[in-house]
C-alpha atoms as a PDB file:
ATOM      1  CA  UNK A   1       9.830 -27.829   4.978  1.00  0.00           C
ATOM      2  CA  UNK A   2      11.725 -26.432   7.930  1.00  0.00           C
ATOM      3  CA  UNK A   3      10.208 -29.047  10.231  1.00  0.00           C
ATOM      4  CA  UNK A   4      11.358 -31.879   7.982  1.00  0.00           C
ATOM      5  CA  UNK A   5      14.845 -30.416   7.782  1.00  0.00           C
ATOM      6  CA  UNK A   6      14.999 -30.060  11.562  1.00  0.00           C
ATOM      7  CA  UNK A   7      13.775 -33.630  11.988  1.00  0.00           C
ATOM      8  CA  UNK A   8      16.426 -34.954   9.630  1.00  0.00           C
ATOM      9  CA  UNK A   9      19.208 -32.994  11.322  1.00  0.00           C
ATOM     10  CA  UNK A  10      18.129 -34.153  14.781  1.00  0.00           C
ATOM     11  CA  UNK A  11      16.855 -30.833  16.136  1.00  0.00           C
ATOM     12  CA  UNK A  12      13.803 -32.366  17.817  1.00  0.00           C
ATOM     13  CA  UNK A  13      13.165 -29.500  20.254  1.00  0.00           C
ATOM     14  CA  UNK A  14      13.057 -26.937  17.466  1.00  0.00           C
ATOM     15  CA  UNK A  15      10.823 -29.191  15.375  1.00  0.00           C
ATOM     16  CA  UNK A  16       8.474 -29.567  18.339  1.00  0.00           C
ATOM     17  CA  UNK A  17       8.295 -25.774  18.609  1.00  0.00           C
ATOM     18  CA  UNK A  18       7.195 -25.546  14.974  1.00  0.00           C
ATOM     19  CA  UNK A  19       4.542 -28.224  15.498  1.00  0.00           C
ATOM     20  CA  UNK A  20       3.211 -26.384  18.574  1.00  0.00           C
ATOM     21  CA  UNK A  21       3.033 -23.135  16.606  1.00  0.00           C
ATOM     22  CA  UNK A  22       1.059 -24.860  13.835  1.00  0.00           C
ATOM     23  CA  UNK A  23      -1.418 -26.318  16.338  1.00  0.00           C
ATOM     24  CA  UNK A  24      -1.819 -22.924  17.978  1.00  0.00           C
ATOM     25  CA  UNK A  25      -2.438 -21.218  14.630  1.00  0.00           C
ATOM     26  CA  UNK A  26      -4.962 -23.744  13.338  1.00  0.00           C
ATOM     27  CA  UNK A  27      -6.616 -23.958  16.744  1.00  0.00           C
ATOM     28  CA  UNK A  28      -7.394 -20.232  16.783  1.00  0.00           C
ATOM     29  CA  UNK A  29      -8.201 -19.920  13.070  1.00  0.00           C
ATOM     30  CA  UNK A  30     -11.916 -20.607  13.598  1.00  0.00           C
ATOM     31  CA  UNK A  31     -12.145 -17.838  16.191  1.00  0.00           C
ATOM     32  CA  UNK A  32     -10.551 -15.308  13.841  1.00  0.00           C
ATOM     33  CA  UNK A  33     -12.715 -16.307  10.886  1.00  0.00           C
ATOM     34  CA  UNK A  34     -15.827 -15.953  13.063  1.00  0.00           C
ATOM     35  CA  UNK A  35     -14.744 -12.463  14.145  1.00  0.00           C
ATOM     36  CA  UNK A  36     -14.091 -11.503  10.550  1.00  0.00           C
ATOM     37  CA  UNK A  37     -17.594 -12.613   9.482  1.00  0.00           C
ATOM     38  CA  UNK A  38     -19.142 -10.642  12.348  1.00  0.00           C
ATOM     39  CA  UNK A  39     -17.272  -7.462  11.428  1.00  0.00           C
ATOM     40  CA  UNK A  40     -18.185  -7.786   7.755  1.00  0.00           C
ATOM     41  CA  UNK A  41     -21.860  -7.790   8.751  1.00  0.00           C
ATOM     42  CA  UNK A  42     -21.375  -4.514  10.635  1.00  0.00           C
ATOM     43  CA  UNK A  43     -20.097  -2.633   7.587  1.00  0.00           C
ATOM     44  CA  UNK A  44     -23.163  -0.999   6.054  1.00  0.00           C
ATOM     45  CA  UNK A  45     -21.519   0.793   3.136  1.00  0.00           C
ATOM     46  CA  UNK A  46     -18.002   0.264   1.931  1.00  0.00           C
ATOM     47  CA  UNK A  47     -16.419   3.497   0.741  1.00  0.00           C
ATOM     48  CA  UNK A  48     -14.395   2.739  -2.376  1.00  0.00           C
ATOM     49  CA  UNK A  49     -13.948   6.276  -3.639  1.00  0.00           C
ATOM     50  CA  UNK A  50     -10.290   6.862  -4.276  1.00  0.00           C
ATOM     51  CA  UNK A  51      -9.605   3.174  -4.855  1.00  0.00           C
ATOM     52  CA  UNK A  52      -7.450   2.283  -7.833  1.00  0.00           C
ATOM     53  CA  UNK A  53      -8.699  -0.585 -10.009  1.00  0.00           C
ATOM     54  CA  UNK A  54      -5.306  -1.604 -11.374  1.00  0.00           C
ATOM     55  CA  UNK A  55      -2.238  -2.943  -9.604  1.00  0.00           C
ATOM     56  CA  UNK A  56       0.232  -0.353  -8.369  1.00  0.00           C
ATOM     57  CA  UNK A  57       2.846  -3.085  -7.961  1.00  0.00           C
ATOM     58  CA  UNK A  58       2.505  -4.039 -11.645  1.00  0.00           C
ATOM     59  CA  UNK A  59       2.768  -0.426 -12.742  1.00  0.00           C
ATOM     60  CA  UNK A  60       5.800   0.219 -10.527  1.00  0.00           C
ATOM     61  CA  UNK A  61       7.897  -2.835 -11.363  1.00  0.00           C
ATOM     62  CA  UNK A  62       6.775  -3.803 -14.881  1.00  0.00           C
ATOM     63  CA  UNK A  63       5.630  -0.534 -16.448  1.00  0.00           C
ATOM     64  CA  UNK A  64       8.329   1.461 -14.576  1.00  0.00           C
ATOM     65  CA  UNK A  65       5.958   4.212 -13.414  1.00  0.00           C
ATOM     66  CA  UNK A  66       7.976   5.486 -10.460  1.00  0.00           C
ATOM     67  CA  UNK A  67       5.928   8.511  -9.406  1.00  0.00           C
ATOM     68  CA  UNK A  68       2.266   8.831  -8.513  1.00  0.00           C
ATOM     69  CA  UNK A  69       1.362  11.393 -11.227  1.00  0.00           C
ATOM     70  CA  UNK A  70       2.528   8.945 -13.910  1.00  0.00           C
ATOM     71  CA  UNK A  71      -0.218   6.496 -12.931  1.00  0.00           C
ATOM     72  CA  UNK A  72      -2.778   8.570 -14.855  1.00  0.00           C
ATOM     73  CA  UNK A  73      -5.368   7.979 -12.182  1.00  0.00           C
ATOM     74  CA  UNK A  74      -8.165  10.280 -11.136  1.00  0.00           C
ATOM     75  CA  UNK A  75     -10.023   9.562  -7.910  1.00  0.00           C
ATOM     76  CA  UNK A  76     -13.798   9.365  -7.943  1.00  0.00           C
ATOM     77  CA  UNK A  77     -15.496  12.566  -6.925  1.00  0.00           C
ATOM     78  CA  UNK A  78     -17.085  12.440  -3.486  1.00  0.00           C
ATOM     79  CA  UNK A  79     -20.828  12.939  -3.442  1.00  0.00           C
END
């Protein structure tokens, strides 16, 4: 959207900067996805104790639970 606006207003140098940034991002995306796959393979056991199954954002903004004790959440006991 910003690139189209810059093109229409005649800011060609700024539009070119946006295009270069997009090419840089998509050019390196494969490298980052490959690294992510490699690191996922290295994780033997994912520790999810203490993880909350519901959305804290939902509880904060919609349900108006402003403090942590009001979440009524108990962490899993460590083994």
